[in-house]
Amino acid sequence: MAQAGKGKLNYRCPSCFMRDLDIDMFFDRDKGEYYCLRCQYSGTEADVLEKNEMIRFRYRAMHTRYEKFDFD
């Protein structure tokens, strides 16, 4: 296995992040892709960014305070 190194930015693993685990990915310069040490996920920078955007829908209203509920 190639020497692991952090990329220019710390990306979260999309597979682990879906399970509420905050795991940073490592960058393999030989293959030009990011990979996770905890699970089997690996992908290009564009793939990682696309999947992380899909996950953000869970937290889109995290800072919104709901005071009125229309259950009636």
PDB file of N, CA and C in Angstrom:
ATOM      1  N   MET A   1       0.844  -1.174   0.000  1.00  0.00           N
ATOM      2  CA  MET A   1       0.000   0.000   0.000  1.00  0.00           C
ATOM      3  C   MET A   1       0.887   1.234   0.000  1.00  0.00           C
ATOM      4  N   ALA A   2       0.453   2.253  -0.710  1.00  0.00           N
ATOM      5  CA  ALA A   2       1.220   3.483  -0.797  1.00  0.00           C
ATOM      6  C   ALA A   2       1.208   4.215   0.541  1.00  0.00           C
ATOM      7  N   GLN A   3       2.165   5.088   0.695  1.00  0.00           N
ATOM      8  CA  GLN A   3       2.229   5.882   1.918  1.00  0.00           C
ATOM      9  C   GLN A   3       1.014   6.800   1.993  1.00  0.00           C
ATOM     10  N   ALA A   4       0.311   6.757   3.110  1.00  0.00           N
ATOM     11  CA  ALA A   4      -0.887   7.566   3.281  1.00  0.00           C
ATOM     12  C   ALA A   4      -0.505   8.995   3.615  1.00  0.00           C
ATOM     13  N   GLY A   5      -1.256   9.915   3.086  1.00  0.00           N
ATOM     14  CA  GLY A   5      -1.029  11.318   3.392  1.00  0.00           C
ATOM     15  C   GLY A   5      -2.316  12.090   3.304  1.00  0.00           C
ATOM     16  N   LYS A   6      -2.414  13.129   4.098  1.00  0.00           N
ATOM     17  CA  LYS A   6      -3.598  13.975   4.037  1.00  0.00           C
ATOM     18  C   LYS A   6      -3.569  14.773   2.743  1.00  0.00           C
ATOM     19  N   GLY A   7      -4.725  15.008   2.197  1.00  0.00           N
ATOM     20  CA  GLY A   7      -4.830  15.824   0.997  1.00  0.00           C
ATOM     21  C   GLY A   7      -4.763  17.297   1.344  1.00  0.00           C
ATOM     22  N   LYS A   8      -5.042  18.136   0.361  1.00  0.00           N
ATOM     23  CA  LYS A   8      -4.993  19.570   0.615  1.00  0.00           C
ATOM     24  C   LYS A   8      -6.120  20.009   1.543  1.00  0.00           C
ATOM     25  N   LEU A   9      -7.242  19.302   1.513  1.00  0.00           N
ATOM     26  CA  LEU A   9      -8.351  19.551   2.423  1.00  0.00           C
ATOM     27  C   LEU A   9      -8.721  18.250   3.113  1.00  0.00           C
ATOM     28  N   ASN A  10      -9.262  18.341   4.307  1.00  0.00           N
ATOM     29  CA  ASN A  10      -9.710  17.146   5.006  1.00  0.00           C
ATOM     30  C   ASN A  10     -11.155  16.860   4.602  1.00  0.00           C
ATOM     31  N   TYR A  11     -11.342  15.775   3.876  1.00  0.00           N
ATOM     32  CA  TYR A  11     -12.677  15.359   3.476  1.00  0.00           C
ATOM     33  C   TYR A  11     -13.157  14.270   4.412  1.00  0.00           C
ATOM     34  N   ARG A  12     -14.467  14.287   4.685  1.00  0.00           N
ATOM     35  CA  ARG A  12     -15.068  13.232   5.492  1.00  0.00           C
ATOM     36  C   ARG A  12     -15.417  12.065   4.589  1.00  0.00           C
ATOM     37  N   CYS A  13     -15.291  10.864   5.132  1.00  0.00           N
ATOM     38  CA  CYS A  13     -15.688   9.675   4.383  1.00  0.00           C
ATOM     39  C   CYS A  13     -17.218   9.657   4.290  1.00  0.00           C
ATOM     40  N   PRO A  14     -17.789   9.630   3.081  1.00  0.00           N
ATOM     41  CA  PRO A  14     -19.249   9.640   2.948  1.00  0.00           C
ATOM     42  C   PRO A  14     -19.914   8.412   3.558  1.00  0.00           C
ATOM     43  N   SER A  15     -19.285   7.271   3.431  1.00  0.00           N
ATOM     44  CA  SER A  15     -19.863   6.039   3.963  1.00  0.00           C
ATOM     45  C   SER A  15     -19.931   6.076   5.495  1.00  0.00           C
ATOM     46  N   CYS A  16     -18.863   6.521   6.123  1.00  0.00           N
ATOM     47  CA  CYS A  16     -18.847   6.618   7.584  1.00  0.00           C
ATOM     48  C   CYS A  16     -19.721   7.763   8.073  1.00  0.00           C
ATOM     49  N   PHE A  17     -19.743   8.870   7.325  1.00  0.00           N
ATOM     50  CA  PHE A  17     -20.515  10.041   7.717  1.00  0.00           C
ATOM     51  C   PHE A  17     -22.007   9.749   7.715  1.00  0.00           C
ATOM     52  N   MET A  18     -22.479   8.845   6.842  1.00  0.00           N
ATOM     53  CA  MET A  18     -23.890   8.449   6.840  1.00  0.00           C
ATOM     54  C   MET A  18     -24.253   7.704   8.119  1.00  0.00           C
ATOM     55  N   ARG A  19     -23.262   7.108   8.757  1.00  0.00           N
ATOM     56  CA  ARG A  19     -23.487   6.399  10.022  1.00  0.00           C
ATOM     57  C   ARG A  19     -23.065   7.246  11.214  1.00  0.00           C
ATOM     58  N   ASP A  20     -23.008   8.573  11.020  1.00  0.00           N
ATOM     59  CA  ASP A  20     -22.672   9.547  12.066  1.00  0.00           C
ATOM     60  C   ASP A  20     -21.290   9.341  12.654  1.00  0.00           C
ATOM     61  N   LEU A  21     -20.343   8.917  11.826  1.00  0.00           N
ATOM     62  CA  LEU A  21     -18.940   8.819  12.228  1.00  0.00           C
ATOM     63  C   LEU A  21     -18.158   9.870  11.457  1.00  0.00           C
ATOM     64  N   ASP A  22     -17.346  10.620  12.141  1.00  0.00           N
ATOM     65  CA  ASP A  22     -16.586  11.695  11.503  1.00  0.00           C
ATOM     66  C   ASP A  22     -15.157  11.215  11.271  1.00  0.00           C
ATOM     67  N   ILE A  23     -14.922  10.578  10.126  1.00  0.00           N
ATOM     68  CA  ILE A  23     -13.626   9.995   9.792  1.00  0.00           C
ATOM     69  C   ILE A  23     -13.022  10.755   8.614  1.00  0.00           C
ATOM     70  N   ASP A  24     -11.791  11.229   8.782  1.00  0.00           N
ATOM     71  CA  ASP A  24     -11.092  11.904   7.691  1.00  0.00           C
ATOM     72  C   ASP A  24     -10.580  10.887   6.688  1.00  0.00           C
ATOM     73  N   MET A  25     -10.533  11.295   5.434  1.00  0.00           N
ATOM     74  CA  MET A  25     -10.025  10.436   4.378  1.00  0.00           C
ATOM     75  C   MET A  25      -8.566  10.774   4.096  1.00  0.00           C
ATOM     76  N   PHE A  26      -7.844   9.820   3.559  1.00  0.00           N
ATOM     77  CA  PHE A  26      -6.455  10.002   3.172  1.00  0.00           C
ATOM     78  C   PHE A  26      -6.357  10.012   1.659  1.00  0.00           C
ATOM     79  N   PHE A  27      -5.320  10.626   1.144  1.00  0.00           N
ATOM     80  CA  PHE A  27      -5.141  10.765  -0.295  1.00  0.00           C
ATOM     81  C   PHE A  27      -3.984   9.886  -0.760  1.00  0.00           C
ATOM     82  N   ASP A  28      -4.229   9.080  -1.794  1.00  0.00           N
ATOM     83  CA  ASP A  28      -3.208   8.240  -2.406  1.00  0.00           C
ATOM     84  C   ASP A  28      -2.730   8.935  -3.677  1.00  0.00           C
ATOM     85  N   ARG A  29      -1.509   9.441  -3.661  1.00  0.00           N
ATOM     86  CA  ARG A  29      -0.995  10.201  -4.804  1.00  0.00           C
ATOM     87  C   ARG A  29      -0.799   9.322  -6.036  1.00  0.00           C
ATOM     88  N   ASP A  30      -0.449   8.068  -5.838  1.00  0.00           N
ATOM     89  CA  ASP A  30      -0.227   7.176  -6.979  1.00  0.00           C
ATOM     90  C   ASP A  30      -1.512   6.932  -7.771  1.00  0.00           C
ATOM     91  N   LYS A  31      -2.606   6.692  -7.061  1.00  0.00           N
ATOM     92  CA  LYS A  31      -3.894   6.432  -7.712  1.00  0.00           C
ATOM     93  C   LYS A  31      -4.688   7.704  -7.968  1.00  0.00           C
ATOM     94  N   GLY A  32      -4.371   8.771  -7.239  1.00  0.00           N
ATOM     95  CA  GLY A  32      -5.102  10.020  -7.392  1.00  0.00           C
ATOM     96  C   GLY A  32      -6.495   9.968  -6.812  1.00  0.00           C
ATOM     97  N   GLU A  33      -6.672   9.217  -5.726  1.00  0.00           N
ATOM     98  CA  GLU A  33      -7.988   9.114  -5.115  1.00  0.00           C
ATOM     99  C   GLU A  33      -7.890   9.118  -3.598  1.00  0.00           C
ATOM    100  N   TYR A  34      -9.013   9.399  -2.974  1.00  0.00           N
ATOM    101  CA  TYR A  34      -9.109   9.417  -1.520  1.00  0.00           C
ATOM    102  C   TYR A  34      -9.623   8.071  -1.038  1.00  0.00           C
ATOM    103  N   TYR A  35      -9.219   7.685   0.173  1.00  0.00           N
ATOM    104  CA  TYR A  35      -9.701   6.428   0.741  1.00  0.00           C
ATOM    105  C   TYR A  35      -9.840   6.558   2.244  1.00  0.00           C
ATOM    106  N   CYS A  36     -10.668   5.694   2.808  1.00  0.00           N
ATOM    107  CA  CYS A  36     -10.955   5.693   4.244  1.00  0.00           C
ATOM    108  C   CYS A  36     -10.211   4.530   4.894  1.00  0.00           C
ATOM    109  N   LEU A  37      -9.636   4.785   6.051  1.00  0.00           N
ATOM    110  CA  LEU A  37      -8.931   3.728   6.768  1.00  0.00           C
ATOM    111  C   LEU A  37      -9.886   2.822   7.549  1.00  0.00           C
ATOM    112  N   ARG A  38     -11.094   3.305   7.840  1.00  0.00           N
ATOM    113  CA  ARG A  38     -12.032   2.537   8.659  1.00  0.00           C
ATOM    114  C   ARG A  38     -12.901   1.593   7.825  1.00  0.00           C
ATOM    115  N   CYS A  39     -13.348   2.076   6.678  1.00  0.00           N
ATOM    116  CA  CYS A  39     -14.202   1.231   5.827  1.00  0.00           C
ATOM    117  C   CYS A  39     -13.518   1.019   4.478  1.00  0.00           C
ATOM    118  N   GLN A  40     -14.208   0.482   3.523  1.00  0.00           N
ATOM    119  CA  GLN A  40     -13.613   0.149   2.228  1.00  0.00           C
ATOM    120  C   GLN A  40     -13.854   1.213   1.168  1.00  0.00           C
ATOM    121  N   TYR A  41     -14.311   2.394   1.552  1.00  0.00           N
ATOM    122  CA  TYR A  41     -14.658   3.414   0.568  1.00  0.00           C
ATOM    123  C   TYR A  41     -13.405   4.051  -0.023  1.00  0.00           C
ATOM    124  N   SER A  42     -13.420   4.263  -1.330  1.00  0.00           N
ATOM    125  CA  SER A  42     -12.383   5.034  -2.015  1.00  0.00           C
ATOM    126  C   SER A  42     -13.028   5.693  -3.221  1.00  0.00           C
ATOM    127  N   GLY A  43     -12.515   6.869  -3.583  1.00  0.00           N
ATOM    128  CA  GLY A  43     -13.067   7.574  -4.731  1.00  0.00           C
ATOM    129  C   GLY A  43     -12.287   8.829  -5.040  1.00  0.00           C
ATOM    130  N   THR A  44     -12.595   9.394  -6.188  1.00  0.00           N
ATOM    131  CA  THR A  44     -11.936  10.627  -6.608  1.00  0.00           C
ATOM    132  C   THR A  44     -12.479  11.799  -5.793  1.00  0.00           C
ATOM    133  N   GLU A  45     -11.830  12.942  -5.934  1.00  0.00           N
ATOM    134  CA  GLU A  45     -12.267  14.126  -5.200  1.00  0.00           C
ATOM    135  C   GLU A  45     -13.683  14.527  -5.593  1.00  0.00           C
ATOM    136  N   ALA A  46     -14.001  14.454  -6.872  1.00  0.00           N
ATOM    137  CA  ALA A  46     -15.343  14.812  -7.342  1.00  0.00           C
ATOM    138  C   ALA A  46     -16.393  13.860  -6.780  1.00  0.00           C
ATOM    139  N   ASP A  47     -16.070  12.571  -6.706  1.00  0.00           N
ATOM    140  CA  ASP A  47     -16.988  11.573  -6.162  1.00  0.00           C
ATOM    141  C   ASP A  47     -17.246  11.814  -4.678  1.00  0.00           C
ATOM    142  N   VAL A  48     -16.195  12.116  -3.937  1.00  0.00           N
ATOM    143  CA  VAL A  48     -16.329  12.373  -2.496  1.00  0.00           C
ATOM    144  C   VAL A  48     -17.174  13.622  -2.263  1.00  0.00           C
ATOM    145  N   LEU A  49     -16.924  14.683  -3.011  1.00  0.00           N
ATOM    146  CA  LEU A  49     -17.694  15.914  -2.845  1.00  0.00           C
ATOM    147  C   LEU A  49     -19.162  15.713  -3.211  1.00  0.00           C
ATOM    148  N   GLU A  50     -19.427  14.935  -4.257  1.00  0.00           N
ATOM    149  CA  GLU A  50     -20.809  14.670  -4.662  1.00  0.00           C
ATOM    150  C   GLU A  50     -21.564  13.909  -3.583  1.00  0.00           C
ATOM    151  N   LYS A  51     -20.952  12.896  -3.023  1.00  0.00           N
ATOM    152  CA  LYS A  51     -21.623  12.093  -1.993  1.00  0.00           C
ATOM    153  C   LYS A  51     -21.776  12.870  -0.684  1.00  0.00           C
ATOM    154  N   ASN A  52     -20.819  13.738  -0.365  1.00  0.00           N
ATOM    155  CA  ASN A  52     -20.961  14.556   0.838  1.00  0.00           C
ATOM    156  C   ASN A  52     -22.083  15.576   0.684  1.00  0.00           C
ATOM    157  N   GLU A  53     -22.317  16.080  -0.520  1.00  0.00           N
ATOM    158  CA  GLU A  53     -23.440  16.991  -0.753  1.00  0.00           C
ATOM    159  C   GLU A  53     -24.767  16.257  -0.591  1.00  0.00           C
ATOM    160  N   MET A  54     -24.830  14.996  -0.995  1.00  0.00           N
ATOM    161  CA  MET A  54     -26.055  14.207  -0.826  1.00  0.00           C
ATOM    162  C   MET A  54     -26.373  13.997   0.654  1.00  0.00           C
ATOM    163  N   ILE A  55     -25.350  13.911   1.475  1.00  0.00           N
ATOM    164  CA  ILE A  55     -25.542  13.661   2.901  1.00  0.00           C
ATOM    165  C   ILE A  55     -25.987  14.919   3.634  1.00  0.00           C
ATOM    166  N   ARG A  56     -25.640  16.076   3.126  1.00  0.00           N
ATOM    167  CA  ARG A  56     -25.938  17.333   3.809  1.00  0.00           C
ATOM    168  C   ARG A  56     -27.428  17.595   3.990  1.00  0.00           C
ATOM    169  N   PHE A  57     -28.294  16.905   3.253  1.00  0.00           N
ATOM    170  CA  PHE A  57     -29.719  17.128   3.413  1.00  0.00           C
ATOM    171  C   PHE A  57     -30.177  16.738   4.815  1.00  0.00           C
ATOM    172  N   ARG A  58     -29.460  15.876   5.502  1.00  0.00           N
ATOM    173  CA  ARG A  58     -29.822  15.505   6.871  1.00  0.00           C
ATOM    174  C   ARG A  58     -29.675  16.676   7.829  1.00  0.00           C
ATOM    175  N   TYR A  59     -28.754  17.555   7.544  1.00  0.00           N
ATOM    176  CA  TYR A  59     -28.417  18.633   8.465  1.00  0.00           C
ATOM    177  C   TYR A  59     -28.799  20.013   7.937  1.00  0.00           C
ATOM    178  N   ARG A  60     -29.649  20.095   6.917  1.00  0.00           N
ATOM    179  CA  ARG A  60     -29.950  21.389   6.308  1.00  0.00           C
ATOM    180  C   ARG A  60     -30.688  22.318   7.264  1.00  0.00           C
ATOM    181  N   ALA A  61     -31.450  21.793   8.198  1.00  0.00           N
ATOM    182  CA  ALA A  61     -32.216  22.628   9.123  1.00  0.00           C
ATOM    183  C   ALA A  61     -31.650  22.550  10.539  1.00  0.00           C
ATOM    184  N   MET A  62     -30.402  22.246  10.672  1.00  0.00           N
ATOM    185  CA  MET A  62     -29.811  22.055  11.995  1.00  0.00           C
ATOM    186  C   MET A  62     -29.839  23.340  12.821  1.00  0.00           C
ATOM    187  N   HIS A  63     -29.662  24.485  12.201  1.00  0.00           N
ATOM    188  CA  HIS A  63     -29.614  25.745  12.931  1.00  0.00           C
ATOM    189  C   HIS A  63     -30.933  26.506  12.876  1.00  0.00           C
ATOM    190  N   THR A  64     -32.001  25.858  12.433  1.00  0.00           N
ATOM    191  CA  THR A  64     -33.315  26.481  12.374  1.00  0.00           C
ATOM    192  C   THR A  64     -34.103  26.103  13.612  1.00  0.00           C
ATOM    193  N   ARG A  65     -34.673  27.109  14.258  1.00  0.00           N
ATOM    194  CA  ARG A  65     -35.479  26.842  15.448  1.00  0.00           C
ATOM    195  C   ARG A  65     -36.949  26.817  15.048  1.00  0.00           C
ATOM    196  N   TYR A  66     -37.619  25.713  15.336  1.00  0.00           N
ATOM    197  CA  TYR A  66     -39.030  25.565  15.036  1.00  0.00           C
ATOM    198  C   TYR A  66     -39.818  25.836  16.305  1.00  0.00           C
ATOM    199  N   GLU A  67     -40.695  26.839  16.252  1.00  0.00           N
ATOM    200  CA  GLU A  67     -41.479  27.209  17.434  1.00  0.00           C
ATOM    201  C   GLU A  67     -42.959  26.891  17.264  1.00  0.00           C
ATOM    202  N   LYS A  68     -43.421  26.721  16.074  1.00  0.00           N
ATOM    203  CA  LYS A  68     -44.827  26.439  15.827  1.00  0.00           C
ATOM    204  C   LYS A  68     -44.956  25.149  15.036  1.00  0.00           C
ATOM    205  N   PHE A  69     -45.754  24.241  15.569  1.00  0.00           N
ATOM    206  CA  PHE A  69     -45.992  22.965  14.906  1.00  0.00           C
ATOM    207  C   PHE A  69     -47.471  22.883  14.542  1.00  0.00           C
ATOM    208  N   ASP A  70     -47.751  22.587  13.290  1.00  0.00           N
ATOM    209  CA  ASP A  70     -49.132  22.506  12.817  1.00  0.00           C
ATOM    210  C   ASP A  70     -49.575  21.047  12.724  1.00  0.00           C
ATOM    211  N   PHE A  71     -49.746  20.422  13.858  1.00  0.00           N
ATOM    212  CA  PHE A  71     -50.178  19.040  13.875  1.00  0.00           C
ATOM    213  C   PHE A  71     -51.694  18.901  13.893  1.00  0.00           C
ATOM    214  N   ASP A  72     -52.400  19.987  14.207  1.00  0.00           N
ATOM    215  CA  ASP A  72     -53.869  19.920  14.313  1.00  0.00           C
ATOM    216  C   ASP A  72     -54.524  20.033  12.984  1.00  0.00           C
TER     217      ASP A  72
END
